[in-house]
């Protein structure tokens, strides 16, 4: 007989205060190579906000259960060779379905985490820190003295990127749209915080760097900001794009997507060749679908980094009970939060 569980369903798109609903549904069934996790809680990500607004192309149709990362105890395994996982507290990267009391994922997408880590700290490993590690250590590399520009530096990925960059001896320029977040950036290690709501970050960066361009830029905004970033990217510079937050809050239709495409500059390979520079896109869900072993490697490496380096540690942006999922979502969408937001059962 199929077991029941509670899950938070997205029932409609938009900012409606009632488009999340707590429902009873069937527990997922697992296959070989998968595990079933009894979830203590799950994390929120900006991709969730985009999905709620109907702007995340890969999200399933409503009604659906969102969620990319969970933390809890492994209750079942799909293969006898994975029995050692039963009873361990793990963080797992999920392909949706994370907003639930039970969630399944691949064995290659979990990692054991300490019992004393909070929901927010643990789930940050699977998404924000895994993304940051992949972007800064796997597809490129940071070097001591590099000038690193980070968009949305107070967010989950921005927080992780800052910590990793500082641990490598980089000079970090962090962007934020809120004056209230400047202190957070400084405390997290940003050398030069820039409030983009008050200053042209392109001009301010060059002023603060005394005209020296950026070696690495991490961009989660997309659109026309990509063009601005190319203008301050150095010879042999790397631009890593891992989001399109510039369309957040806009109507989910063809015109929104066309507007994003129109504002995104066309990439000319010969121009990149001439500057010996490059641009890379990052989508960890796609990586997880095709190369789950990469996700496993990144998560294990991140946990090792955290255990070895006191500069690198997830920062909680607060935790909410599942009954307050809408308030938590609204906080993340407002861009007033810092660090990782966790949801508890």
C-alpha atoms as a PDB file:
ATOM      1  CA  UNK A   1       0.000   0.000   0.000  1.00  0.00           C
ATOM      2  CA  UNK A   2       1.352   3.400  -0.999  1.00  0.00           C
ATOM      3  CA  UNK A   3       2.323   5.615   1.938  1.00  0.00           C
ATOM      4  CA  UNK A   4       1.023   9.173   2.225  1.00  0.00           C
ATOM      5  CA  UNK A   5       2.905  12.385   2.987  1.00  0.00           C
ATOM      6  CA  UNK A   6       2.420  16.138   3.043  1.00  0.00           C
ATOM      7  CA  UNK A   7       3.808  18.340   0.279  1.00  0.00           C
ATOM      8  CA  UNK A   8       3.597  21.998  -0.685  1.00  0.00           C
ATOM      9  CA  UNK A   9       2.059  22.354  -4.148  1.00  0.00           C
ATOM     10  CA  UNK A  10       2.391  25.348  -6.439  1.00  0.00           C
ATOM     11  CA  UNK A  11      -1.174  25.686  -7.755  1.00  0.00           C
ATOM     12  CA  UNK A  12      -0.880  28.738 -10.011  1.00  0.00           C
ATOM     13  CA  UNK A  13       1.647  31.243 -11.355  1.00  0.00           C
ATOM     14  CA  UNK A  14       2.102  34.803 -10.161  1.00  0.00           C
ATOM     15  CA  UNK A  15       2.338  36.567  -6.809  1.00  0.00           C
ATOM     16  CA  UNK A  16      -1.056  35.418  -5.523  1.00  0.00           C
ATOM     17  CA  UNK A  17      -1.017  34.904  -1.756  1.00  0.00           C
ATOM     18  CA  UNK A  18      -2.825  31.600  -2.243  1.00  0.00           C
ATOM     19  CA  UNK A  19      -0.809  29.936  -4.996  1.00  0.00           C
ATOM     20  CA  UNK A  20       0.892  27.545  -2.568  1.00  0.00           C
ATOM     21  CA  UNK A  21      -1.186  24.847  -0.922  1.00  0.00           C
ATOM     22  CA  UNK A  22      -0.294  22.154   1.616  1.00  0.00           C
ATOM     23  CA  UNK A  23      -1.735  18.850   0.379  1.00  0.00           C
ATOM     24  CA  UNK A  24      -1.591  15.154   1.168  1.00  0.00           C
ATOM     25  CA  UNK A  25      -0.094  13.067  -1.623  1.00  0.00           C
ATOM     26  CA  UNK A  26       1.652   9.759  -2.229  1.00  0.00           C
ATOM     27  CA  UNK A  27       5.242   9.198  -1.198  1.00  0.00           C
ATOM     28  CA  UNK A  28       7.601   8.800  -4.170  1.00  0.00           C
ATOM     29  CA  UNK A  29       8.713   5.305  -5.124  1.00  0.00           C
ATOM     30  CA  UNK A  30      12.387   4.749  -5.769  1.00  0.00           C
ATOM     31  CA  UNK A  31      14.304   2.835  -8.412  1.00  0.00           C
ATOM     32  CA  UNK A  32      17.815   1.328  -8.429  1.00  0.00           C
ATOM     33  CA  UNK A  33      20.422   4.044  -7.905  1.00  0.00           C
ATOM     34  CA  UNK A  34      17.999   6.238  -5.918  1.00  0.00           C
ATOM     35  CA  UNK A  35      17.345   6.920  -2.231  1.00  0.00           C
ATOM     36  CA  UNK A  36      14.266   8.012  -0.301  1.00  0.00           C
ATOM     37  CA  UNK A  37      14.896  10.803   2.204  1.00  0.00           C
ATOM     38  CA  UNK A  38      12.628  11.616   5.140  1.00  0.00           C
ATOM     39  CA  UNK A  39      13.038  15.370   5.001  1.00  0.00           C
ATOM     40  CA  UNK A  40      13.647  17.559   8.008  1.00  0.00           C
ATOM     41  CA  UNK A  41      13.240  20.488   5.657  1.00  0.00           C
ATOM     42  CA  UNK A  42      14.200  22.014   2.344  1.00  0.00           C
ATOM     43  CA  UNK A  43      15.806  25.139   0.980  1.00  0.00           C
ATOM     44  CA  UNK A  44      14.561  28.027  -1.127  1.00  0.00           C
ATOM     45  CA  UNK A  45      16.373  29.133  -4.265  1.00  0.00           C
ATOM     46  CA  UNK A  46      15.832  32.033  -6.625  1.00  0.00           C
ATOM     47  CA  UNK A  47      14.918  29.510  -9.323  1.00  0.00           C
ATOM     48  CA  UNK A  48      11.888  28.716  -7.129  1.00  0.00           C
ATOM     49  CA  UNK A  49      10.840  32.363  -7.315  1.00  0.00           C
ATOM     50  CA  UNK A  50      11.195  32.276 -11.101  1.00  0.00           C
ATOM     51  CA  UNK A  51       9.154  29.055 -11.250  1.00  0.00           C
ATOM     52  CA  UNK A  52       6.404  30.594  -9.103  1.00  0.00           C
ATOM     53  CA  UNK A  53       6.240  33.481 -11.560  1.00  0.00           C
ATOM     54  CA  UNK A  54       6.028  31.081 -14.515  1.00  0.00           C
ATOM     55  CA  UNK A  55       9.442  32.168 -15.790  1.00  0.00           C
ATOM     56  CA  UNK A  56      11.410  28.950 -15.239  1.00  0.00           C
ATOM     57  CA  UNK A  57      11.252  26.981 -18.463  1.00  0.00           C
ATOM     58  CA  UNK A  58      12.276  23.636 -16.961  1.00  0.00           C
ATOM     59  CA  UNK A  59       9.656  23.633 -14.174  1.00  0.00           C
ATOM     60  CA  UNK A  60       6.815  21.089 -14.397  1.00  0.00           C
ATOM     61  CA  UNK A  61       3.273  22.323 -15.145  1.00  0.00           C
ATOM     62  CA  UNK A  62       1.069  23.334 -12.196  1.00  0.00           C
ATOM     63  CA  UNK A  63      -0.031  21.904  -9.885  1.00  0.00           C
ATOM     64  CA  UNK A  64       3.463  20.742  -9.014  1.00  0.00           C
ATOM     65  CA  UNK A  65       5.928  20.351  -6.158  1.00  0.00           C
ATOM     66  CA  UNK A  66       8.984  22.582  -6.497  1.00  0.00           C
ATOM     67  CA  UNK A  67      12.250  22.164  -4.639  1.00  0.00           C
ATOM     68  CA  UNK A  68      15.878  21.509  -5.552  1.00  0.00           C
ATOM     69  CA  UNK A  69      17.493  20.692  -2.223  1.00  0.00           C
ATOM     70  CA  UNK A  70      16.493  18.790   0.911  1.00  0.00           C
ATOM     71  CA  UNK A  71      18.093  17.602   4.133  1.00  0.00           C
ATOM     72  CA  UNK A  72      17.033  14.597   6.164  1.00  0.00           C
ATOM     73  CA  UNK A  73      17.538  10.921   6.959  1.00  0.00           C
ATOM     74  CA  UNK A  74      17.873   8.233   4.291  1.00  0.00           C
ATOM     75  CA  UNK A  75      15.027   5.760   4.856  1.00  0.00           C
ATOM     76  CA  UNK A  76      15.184   3.543   1.774  1.00  0.00           C
ATOM     77  CA  UNK A  77      17.668   2.720  -0.976  1.00  0.00           C
ATOM     78  CA  UNK A  78      16.955   1.297  -4.406  1.00  0.00           C
ATOM     79  CA  UNK A  79      19.974  -1.019  -4.505  1.00  0.00           C
ATOM     80  CA  UNK A  80      21.501  -3.376  -1.933  1.00  0.00           C
ATOM     81  CA  UNK A  81      24.943  -1.907  -2.583  1.00  0.00           C
ATOM     82  CA  UNK A  82      23.705   1.433  -1.187  1.00  0.00           C
ATOM     83  CA  UNK A  83      22.426   0.084   2.160  1.00  0.00           C
ATOM     84  CA  UNK A  84      25.213   1.860   4.057  1.00  0.00           C
ATOM     85  CA  UNK A  85      23.339   5.136   3.422  1.00  0.00           C
ATOM     86  CA  UNK A  86      20.297   4.078   5.481  1.00  0.00           C
ATOM     87  CA  UNK A  87      20.035   6.139   8.669  1.00  0.00           C
ATOM     88  CA  UNK A  88      22.550   8.780   7.618  1.00  0.00           C
ATOM     89  CA  UNK A  89      21.733  12.491   7.634  1.00  0.00           C
ATOM     90  CA  UNK A  90      22.279  13.796   4.144  1.00  0.00           C
ATOM     91  CA  UNK A  91      21.747  16.785   1.925  1.00  0.00           C
ATOM     92  CA  UNK A  92      20.384  15.970  -1.507  1.00  0.00           C
ATOM     93  CA  UNK A  93      19.993  17.777  -4.806  1.00  0.00           C
ATOM     94  CA  UNK A  94      16.537  17.037  -6.219  1.00  0.00           C
ATOM     95  CA  UNK A  95      14.989  17.448  -9.662  1.00  0.00           C
ATOM     96  CA  UNK A  96      11.904  19.183  -8.212  1.00  0.00           C
ATOM     97  CA  UNK A  97       9.803  17.410  -5.564  1.00  0.00           C
ATOM     98  CA  UNK A  98      11.780  18.886  -2.665  1.00  0.00           C
ATOM     99  CA  UNK A  99       8.869  20.710  -0.989  1.00  0.00           C
ATOM    100  CA  UNK A 100       7.728  17.458   0.637  1.00  0.00           C
ATOM    101  CA  UNK A 101       8.073  15.339   3.769  1.00  0.00           C
ATOM    102  CA  UNK A 102       9.708  12.615   1.662  1.00  0.00           C
ATOM    103  CA  UNK A 103      11.814  13.150  -1.423  1.00  0.00           C
ATOM    104  CA  UNK A 104      13.798  10.930  -3.750  1.00  0.00           C
ATOM    105  CA  UNK A 105      17.030  11.598  -5.573  1.00  0.00           C
ATOM    106  CA  UNK A 106      20.026   9.795  -7.040  1.00  0.00           C
ATOM    107  CA  UNK A 107      22.660   8.318  -4.749  1.00  0.00           C
ATOM    108  CA  UNK A 108      25.207  10.384  -6.669  1.00  0.00           C
ATOM    109  CA  UNK A 109      23.352  13.570  -5.655  1.00  0.00           C
ATOM    110  CA  UNK A 110      23.614  13.189  -1.860  1.00  0.00           C
ATOM    111  CA  UNK A 111      26.321  13.866   0.697  1.00  0.00           C
ATOM    112  CA  UNK A 112      26.459  13.217   4.430  1.00  0.00           C
ATOM    113  CA  UNK A 113      26.295  16.357   6.579  1.00  0.00           C
ATOM    114  CA  UNK A 114      26.921  16.971  10.299  1.00  0.00           C
ATOM    115  CA  UNK A 115      23.936  16.605  12.633  1.00  0.00           C
ATOM    116  CA  UNK A 116      24.451  20.101  14.052  1.00  0.00           C
ATOM    117  CA  UNK A 117      24.070  21.928  10.716  1.00  0.00           C
ATOM    118  CA  UNK A 118      20.790  23.791  10.363  1.00  0.00           C
ATOM    119  CA  UNK A 119      18.375  23.220   7.464  1.00  0.00           C
ATOM    120  CA  UNK A 120      19.554  26.431   5.790  1.00  0.00           C
ATOM    121  CA  UNK A 121      23.250  25.615   6.201  1.00  0.00           C
ATOM    122  CA  UNK A 122      22.905  22.044   4.961  1.00  0.00           C
ATOM    123  CA  UNK A 123      20.707  22.774   1.933  1.00  0.00           C
ATOM    124  CA  UNK A 124      23.010  25.593   0.864  1.00  0.00           C
ATOM    125  CA  UNK A 125      25.603  22.896   0.146  1.00  0.00           C
ATOM    126  CA  UNK A 126      23.507  21.194  -2.537  1.00  0.00           C
ATOM    127  CA  UNK A 127      22.662  24.320  -4.512  1.00  0.00           C
ATOM    128  CA  UNK A 128      24.413  27.589  -3.668  1.00  0.00           C
ATOM    129  CA  UNK A 129      27.800  26.189  -2.629  1.00  0.00           C
ATOM    130  CA  UNK A 130      27.753  23.445  -5.232  1.00  0.00           C
ATOM    131  CA  UNK A 131      26.980  26.059  -7.908  1.00  0.00           C
ATOM    132  CA  UNK A 132      29.691  28.367  -6.575  1.00  0.00           C
ATOM    133  CA  UNK A 133      32.262  25.575  -6.482  1.00  0.00           C
ATOM    134  CA  UNK A 134      31.401  24.387  -9.994  1.00  0.00           C
ATOM    135  CA  UNK A 135      31.550  27.954 -11.331  1.00  0.00           C
ATOM    136  CA  UNK A 136      34.760  28.978  -9.568  1.00  0.00           C
ATOM    137  CA  UNK A 137      36.737  25.762  -9.227  1.00  0.00           C
ATOM    138  CA  UNK A 138      35.476  23.275 -11.819  1.00  0.00           C
ATOM    139  CA  UNK A 139      34.883  25.127 -15.102  1.00  0.00           C
ATOM    140  CA  UNK A 140      37.415  27.838 -14.338  1.00  0.00           C
ATOM    141  CA  UNK A 141      39.851  28.592 -11.535  1.00  0.00           C
ATOM    142  CA  UNK A 142      40.552  31.565  -9.349  1.00  0.00           C
ATOM    143  CA  UNK A 143      44.078  32.756  -8.652  1.00  0.00           C
ATOM    144  CA  UNK A 144      45.576  34.873  -5.903  1.00  0.00           C
ATOM    145  CA  UNK A 145      45.231  38.560  -6.717  1.00  0.00           C
ATOM    146  CA  UNK A 146      42.409  38.091  -9.242  1.00  0.00           C
ATOM    147  CA  UNK A 147      39.887  40.926  -9.331  1.00  0.00           C
ATOM    148  CA  UNK A 148      36.524  39.199  -9.004  1.00  0.00           C
ATOM    149  CA  UNK A 149      33.173  40.935  -9.575  1.00  0.00           C
ATOM    150  CA  UNK A 150      30.102  39.214  -8.111  1.00  0.00           C
ATOM    151  CA  UNK A 151      26.514  40.192  -8.919  1.00  0.00           C
ATOM    152  CA  UNK A 152      23.922  39.748  -6.124  1.00  0.00           C
ATOM    153  CA  UNK A 153      26.793  39.210  -3.709  1.00  0.00           C
ATOM    154  CA  UNK A 154      24.476  39.041  -0.678  1.00  0.00           C
ATOM    155  CA  UNK A 155      22.501  36.122  -2.099  1.00  0.00           C
ATOM    156  CA  UNK A 156      23.170  32.451  -1.455  1.00  0.00           C
ATOM    157  CA  UNK A 157      25.496  31.842  -4.413  1.00  0.00           C
ATOM    158  CA  UNK A 158      27.042  35.292  -4.052  1.00  0.00           C
ATOM    159  CA  UNK A 159      27.832  34.577  -0.403  1.00  0.00           C
ATOM    160  CA  UNK A 160      29.494  31.279  -1.330  1.00  0.00           C
ATOM    161  CA  UNK A 161      31.445  32.772  -4.240  1.00  0.00           C
ATOM    162  CA  UNK A 162      32.749  35.557  -1.994  1.00  0.00           C
ATOM    163  CA  UNK A 163      33.999  33.104   0.617  1.00  0.00           C
ATOM    164  CA  UNK A 164      35.679  30.849  -1.945  1.00  0.00           C
ATOM    165  CA  UNK A 165      37.275  33.814  -3.730  1.00  0.00           C
ATOM    166  CA  UNK A 166      38.638  35.262  -0.481  1.00  0.00           C
ATOM    167  CA  UNK A 167      40.022  31.874   0.515  1.00  0.00           C
ATOM    168  CA  UNK A 168      41.944  31.889  -2.809  1.00  0.00           C
ATOM    169  CA  UNK A 169      43.355  35.372  -2.097  1.00  0.00           C
ATOM    170  CA  UNK A 170      41.221  37.283  -4.602  1.00  0.00           C
ATOM    171  CA  UNK A 171      40.107  40.914  -4.458  1.00  0.00           C
ATOM    172  CA  UNK A 172      36.298  40.875  -4.380  1.00  0.00           C
ATOM    173  CA  UNK A 173      33.917  43.544  -5.695  1.00  0.00           C
ATOM    174  CA  UNK A 174      30.370  42.730  -4.572  1.00  0.00           C
ATOM    175  CA  UNK A 175      27.203  44.206  -6.072  1.00  0.00           C
ATOM    176  CA  UNK A 176      23.957  44.747  -4.180  1.00  0.00           C
ATOM    177  CA  UNK A 177      20.840  46.846  -4.721  1.00  0.00           C
ATOM    178  CA  UNK A 178      20.379  47.612  -1.029  1.00  0.00           C
ATOM    179  CA  UNK A 179      22.367  49.896   1.228  1.00  0.00           C
ATOM    180  CA  UNK A 180      21.277  47.738   4.174  1.00  0.00           C
ATOM    181  CA  UNK A 181      23.268  44.807   2.737  1.00  0.00           C
ATOM    182  CA  UNK A 182      26.591  46.663   2.549  1.00  0.00           C
ATOM    183  CA  UNK A 183      27.514  45.686   6.115  1.00  0.00           C
ATOM    184  CA  UNK A 184      26.669  42.033   5.343  1.00  0.00           C
ATOM    185  CA  UNK A 185      28.966  42.097   2.297  1.00  0.00           C
ATOM    186  CA  UNK A 186      31.832  43.566   4.285  1.00  0.00           C
ATOM    187  CA  UNK A 187      31.377  41.026   7.078  1.00  0.00           C
ATOM    188  CA  UNK A 188      31.379  38.197   4.524  1.00  0.00           C
ATOM    189  CA  UNK A 189      34.694  39.365   3.059  1.00  0.00           C
ATOM    190  CA  UNK A 190      33.814  41.660   0.147  1.00  0.00           C
ATOM    191  CA  UNK A 191      36.626  44.188  -0.286  1.00  0.00           C
ATOM    192  CA  UNK A 192      34.648  46.716  -2.316  1.00  0.00           C
ATOM    193  CA  UNK A 193      30.831  46.653  -1.991  1.00  0.00           C
ATOM    194  CA  UNK A 194      28.906  48.591  -4.647  1.00  0.00           C
ATOM    195  CA  UNK A 195      25.272  49.671  -4.319  1.00  0.00           C
ATOM    196  CA  UNK A 196      23.915  49.451  -7.882  1.00  0.00           C
ATOM    197  CA  UNK A 197      20.765  51.393  -6.955  1.00  0.00           C
ATOM    198  CA  UNK A 198      22.920  54.465  -6.297  1.00  0.00           C
ATOM    199  CA  UNK A 199      25.891  54.070  -8.643  1.00  0.00           C
ATOM    200  CA  UNK A 200      26.725  52.866 -12.141  1.00  0.00           C
ATOM    201  CA  UNK A 201      28.587  49.703 -11.214  1.00  0.00           C
ATOM    202  CA  UNK A 202      30.533  49.717 -14.492  1.00  0.00           C
ATOM    203  CA  UNK A 203      32.016  53.124 -13.700  1.00  0.00           C
ATOM    204  CA  UNK A 204      32.345  52.488  -9.953  1.00  0.00           C
ATOM    205  CA  UNK A 205      34.226  49.238 -10.507  1.00  0.00           C
ATOM    206  CA  UNK A 206      36.799  50.925 -12.760  1.00  0.00           C
ATOM    207  CA  UNK A 207      37.137  53.745 -10.239  1.00  0.00           C
ATOM    208  CA  UNK A 208      37.717  51.385  -7.306  1.00  0.00           C
ATOM    209  CA  UNK A 209      40.073  49.150  -9.287  1.00  0.00           C
ATOM    210  CA  UNK A 210      42.007  52.180 -10.557  1.00  0.00           C
ATOM    211  CA  UNK A 211      41.197  51.311 -14.149  1.00  0.00           C
ATOM    212  CA  UNK A 212      42.227  47.652 -13.966  1.00  0.00           C
ATOM    213  CA  UNK A 213      39.538  45.400 -15.449  1.00  0.00           C
ATOM    214  CA  UNK A 214      38.003  42.290 -13.875  1.00  0.00           C
ATOM    215  CA  UNK A 215      39.646  38.896 -14.199  1.00  0.00           C
ATOM    216  CA  UNK A 216      36.476  36.961 -13.377  1.00  0.00           C
ATOM    217  CA  UNK A 217      32.826  38.078 -13.298  1.00  0.00           C
ATOM    218  CA  UNK A 218      30.002  35.995 -11.845  1.00  0.00           C
ATOM    219  CA  UNK A 219      26.679  37.143 -13.293  1.00  0.00           C
ATOM    220  CA  UNK A 220      23.263  35.902 -12.133  1.00  0.00           C
ATOM    221  CA  UNK A 221      21.296  38.721 -13.758  1.00  0.00           C
ATOM    222  CA  UNK A 222      21.651  38.185 -17.506  1.00  0.00           C
ATOM    223  CA  UNK A 223      20.262  40.488 -20.211  1.00  0.00           C
ATOM    224  CA  UNK A 224      21.957  43.816 -20.794  1.00  0.00           C
ATOM    225  CA  UNK A 225      24.209  43.360 -17.748  1.00  0.00           C
ATOM    226  CA  UNK A 226      26.181  40.849 -19.822  1.00  0.00           C
ATOM    227  CA  UNK A 227      27.109  43.615 -22.271  1.00  0.00           C
ATOM    228  CA  UNK A 228      28.183  45.894 -19.405  1.00  0.00           C
ATOM    229  CA  UNK A 229      30.286  43.116 -17.948  1.00  0.00           C
ATOM    230  CA  UNK A 230      32.119  42.509 -21.216  1.00  0.00           C
ATOM    231  CA  UNK A 231      33.107  46.177 -21.134  1.00  0.00           C
ATOM    232  CA  UNK A 232      35.046  45.691 -17.890  1.00  0.00           C
ATOM    233  CA  UNK A 233      36.372  42.178 -18.545  1.00  0.00           C
ATOM    234  CA  UNK A 234      40.156  41.975 -18.782  1.00  0.00           C
ATOM    235  CA  UNK A 235      42.371  40.213 -21.286  1.00  0.00           C
ATOM    236  CA  UNK A 236      42.097  36.493 -20.431  1.00  0.00           C
ATOM    237  CA  UNK A 237      39.018  37.290 -18.325  1.00  0.00           C
ATOM    238  CA  UNK A 238      36.183  34.842 -17.707  1.00  0.00           C
ATOM    239  CA  UNK A 239      32.488  35.679 -17.425  1.00  0.00           C
ATOM    240  CA  UNK A 240      30.326  33.047 -15.737  1.00  0.00           C
ATOM    241  CA  UNK A 241      26.550  33.461 -16.212  1.00  0.00           C
ATOM    242  CA  UNK A 242      24.360  31.363 -13.939  1.00  0.00           C
ATOM    243  CA  UNK A 243      20.972  33.112 -13.966  1.00  0.00           C
ATOM    244  CA  UNK A 244      18.530  35.544 -15.550  1.00  0.00           C
ATOM    245  CA  UNK A 245      17.156  37.399 -12.533  1.00  0.00           C
ATOM    246  CA  UNK A 246      16.638  40.521 -14.669  1.00  0.00           C
ATOM    247  CA  UNK A 247      13.267  39.125 -15.847  1.00  0.00           C
ATOM    248  CA  UNK A 248      12.055  38.292 -12.341  1.00  0.00           C
ATOM    249  CA  UNK A 249       8.728  39.978 -11.569  1.00  0.00           C
ATOM    250  CA  UNK A 250       7.766  40.403 -15.221  1.00  0.00           C
ATOM    251  CA  UNK A 251       4.831  38.719 -16.943  1.00  0.00           C
ATOM    252  CA  UNK A 252       5.580  35.126 -18.011  1.00  0.00           C
ATOM    253  CA  UNK A 253       5.015  35.436 -21.732  1.00  0.00           C
ATOM    254  CA  UNK A 254       6.834  35.351 -25.049  1.00  0.00           C
ATOM    255  CA  UNK A 255       7.510  39.090 -24.990  1.00  0.00           C
ATOM    256  CA  UNK A 256       9.419  38.774 -21.689  1.00  0.00           C
ATOM    257  CA  UNK A 257      11.657  36.062 -23.131  1.00  0.00           C
ATOM    258  CA  UNK A 258      12.139  37.940 -26.395  1.00  0.00           C
ATOM    259  CA  UNK A 259      13.059  41.057 -24.417  1.00  0.00           C
ATOM    260  CA  UNK A 260      15.703  39.082 -22.524  1.00  0.00           C
ATOM    261  CA  UNK A 261      17.123  37.743 -25.791  1.00  0.00           C
ATOM    262  CA  UNK A 262      17.131  41.200 -27.356  1.00  0.00           C
ATOM    263  CA  UNK A 263      19.057  42.697 -24.459  1.00  0.00           C
ATOM    264  CA  UNK A 264      21.552  39.844 -24.313  1.00  0.00           C
ATOM    265  CA  UNK A 265      24.553  40.623 -26.546  1.00  0.00           C
ATOM    266  CA  UNK A 266      25.522  38.306 -29.369  1.00  0.00           C
ATOM    267  CA  UNK A 267      28.732  36.478 -28.640  1.00  0.00           C
ATOM    268  CA  UNK A 268      31.415  36.795 -31.317  1.00  0.00           C
ATOM    269  CA  UNK A 269      33.984  33.988 -31.064  1.00  0.00           C
ATOM    270  CA  UNK A 270      36.687  36.000 -32.848  1.00  0.00           C
ATOM    271  CA  UNK A 271      36.313  38.802 -30.319  1.00  0.00           C
ATOM    272  CA  UNK A 272      36.737  36.301 -27.487  1.00  0.00           C
ATOM    273  CA  UNK A 273      39.752  34.849 -29.277  1.00  0.00           C
ATOM    274  CA  UNK A 274      41.324  38.285 -29.639  1.00  0.00           C
ATOM    275  CA  UNK A 275      40.976  38.974 -25.900  1.00  0.00           C
ATOM    276  CA  UNK A 276      41.714  35.369 -24.902  1.00  0.00           C
ATOM    277  CA  UNK A 277      38.559  35.634 -22.809  1.00  0.00           C
ATOM    278  CA  UNK A 278      35.532  33.418 -22.407  1.00  0.00           C
ATOM    279  CA  UNK A 279      31.944  33.086 -21.242  1.00  0.00           C
ATOM    280  CA  UNK A 280      30.406  30.028 -19.629  1.00  0.00           C
ATOM    281  CA  UNK A 281      26.817  29.263 -18.696  1.00  0.00           C
ATOM    282  CA  UNK A 282      25.960  27.268 -15.579  1.00  0.00           C
ATOM    283  CA  UNK A 283      22.761  25.282 -14.956  1.00  0.00           C
ATOM    284  CA  UNK A 284      23.302  22.730 -12.216  1.00  0.00           C
ATOM    285  CA  UNK A 285      20.031  20.907 -12.905  1.00  0.00           C
ATOM    286  CA  UNK A 286      21.199  20.177 -16.436  1.00  0.00           C
ATOM    287  CA  UNK A 287      24.602  19.075 -15.165  1.00  0.00           C
ATOM    288  CA  UNK A 288      22.901  16.818 -12.639  1.00  0.00           C
ATOM    289  CA  UNK A 289      20.719  15.232 -15.335  1.00  0.00           C
ATOM    290  CA  UNK A 290      23.602  14.385 -17.645  1.00  0.00           C
ATOM    291  CA  UNK A 291      26.625  14.139 -15.354  1.00  0.00           C
ATOM    292  CA  UNK A 292      25.464  13.329 -11.805  1.00  0.00           C
ATOM    293  CA  UNK A 293      29.012  12.293 -10.892  1.00  0.00           C
ATOM    294  CA  UNK A 294      30.040  15.956 -11.272  1.00  0.00           C
ATOM    295  CA  UNK A 295      27.419  17.011  -8.713  1.00  0.00           C
ATOM    296  CA  UNK A 296      28.690  14.328  -6.338  1.00  0.00           C
ATOM    297  CA  UNK A 297      32.278  15.497  -6.754  1.00  0.00           C
ATOM    298  CA  UNK A 298      31.327  19.146  -6.187  1.00  0.00           C
ATOM    299  CA  UNK A 299      29.292  18.449  -3.042  1.00  0.00           C
ATOM    300  CA  UNK A 300      32.005  16.311  -1.473  1.00  0.00           C
ATOM    301  CA  UNK A 301      34.653  18.918  -2.343  1.00  0.00           C
ATOM    302  CA  UNK A 302      32.558  21.726  -0.845  1.00  0.00           C
ATOM    303  CA  UNK A 303      32.074  19.839   2.424  1.00  0.00           C
ATOM    304  CA  UNK A 304      35.832  19.227   2.586  1.00  0.00           C
ATOM    305  CA  UNK A 305      36.489  22.928   1.943  1.00  0.00           C
ATOM    306  CA  UNK A 306      34.131  23.912   4.752  1.00  0.00           C
ATOM    307  CA  UNK A 307      35.717  21.459   7.166  1.00  0.00           C
ATOM    308  CA  UNK A 308      39.245  22.605   6.283  1.00  0.00           C
ATOM    309  CA  UNK A 309      38.730  26.357   5.893  1.00  0.00           C
ATOM    310  CA  UNK A 310      36.964  28.464   8.563  1.00  0.00           C
ATOM    311  CA  UNK A 311      36.440  31.235   5.982  1.00  0.00           C
ATOM    312  CA  UNK A 312      33.979  29.054   4.096  1.00  0.00           C
ATOM    313  CA  UNK A 313      30.710  28.361   5.908  1.00  0.00           C
ATOM    314  CA  UNK A 314      27.063  28.649   4.797  1.00  0.00           C
ATOM    315  CA  UNK A 315      25.173  31.563   6.307  1.00  0.00           C
ATOM    316  CA  UNK A 316      21.541  31.087   7.270  1.00  0.00           C
ATOM    317  CA  UNK A 317      19.112  33.683   6.005  1.00  0.00           C
ATOM    318  CA  UNK A 318      16.438  32.431   8.398  1.00  0.00           C
ATOM    319  CA  UNK A 319      14.122  29.454   8.664  1.00  0.00           C
ATOM    320  CA  UNK A 320      10.339  29.256   8.298  1.00  0.00           C
ATOM    321  CA  UNK A 321       7.843  26.464   9.006  1.00  0.00           C
ATOM    322  CA  UNK A 322       6.246  24.917   5.900  1.00  0.00           C
ATOM    323  CA  UNK A 323       2.979  26.649   6.820  1.00  0.00           C
ATOM    324  CA  UNK A 324       4.704  29.999   6.108  1.00  0.00           C
ATOM    325  CA  UNK A 325       6.071  29.087   2.675  1.00  0.00           C
ATOM    326  CA  UNK A 326       4.432  32.126   1.048  1.00  0.00           C
ATOM    327  CA  UNK A 327       6.050  34.559   3.505  1.00  0.00           C
ATOM    328  CA  UNK A 328       9.429  32.907   2.914  1.00  0.00           C
ATOM    329  CA  UNK A 329       8.995  33.087  -0.861  1.00  0.00           C
ATOM    330  CA  UNK A 330       7.974  36.728  -0.714  1.00  0.00           C
ATOM    331  CA  UNK A 331      11.052  37.561   1.361  1.00  0.00           C
ATOM    332  CA  UNK A 332      13.362  35.881  -1.146  1.00  0.00           C
ATOM    333  CA  UNK A 333      11.588  37.543  -4.092  1.00  0.00           C
ATOM    334  CA  UNK A 334      11.921  40.971  -2.441  1.00  0.00           C
ATOM    335  CA  UNK A 335      15.727  40.600  -2.561  1.00  0.00           C
ATOM    336  CA  UNK A 336      15.867  41.826   1.026  1.00  0.00           C
ATOM    337  CA  UNK A 337      17.143  38.507   2.360  1.00  0.00           C
ATOM    338  CA  UNK A 338      20.745  37.471   2.829  1.00  0.00           C
ATOM    339  CA  UNK A 339      22.187  33.964   2.893  1.00  0.00           C
ATOM    340  CA  UNK A 340      20.119  30.798   2.528  1.00  0.00           C
ATOM    341  CA  UNK A 341      16.449  30.512   3.549  1.00  0.00           C
ATOM    342  CA  UNK A 342      15.376  27.158   4.950  1.00  0.00           C
ATOM    343  CA  UNK A 343      11.924  25.629   5.417  1.00  0.00           C
ATOM    344  CA  UNK A 344      11.238  23.132   8.222  1.00  0.00           C
ATOM    345  CA  UNK A 345       8.586  20.443   8.605  1.00  0.00           C
END
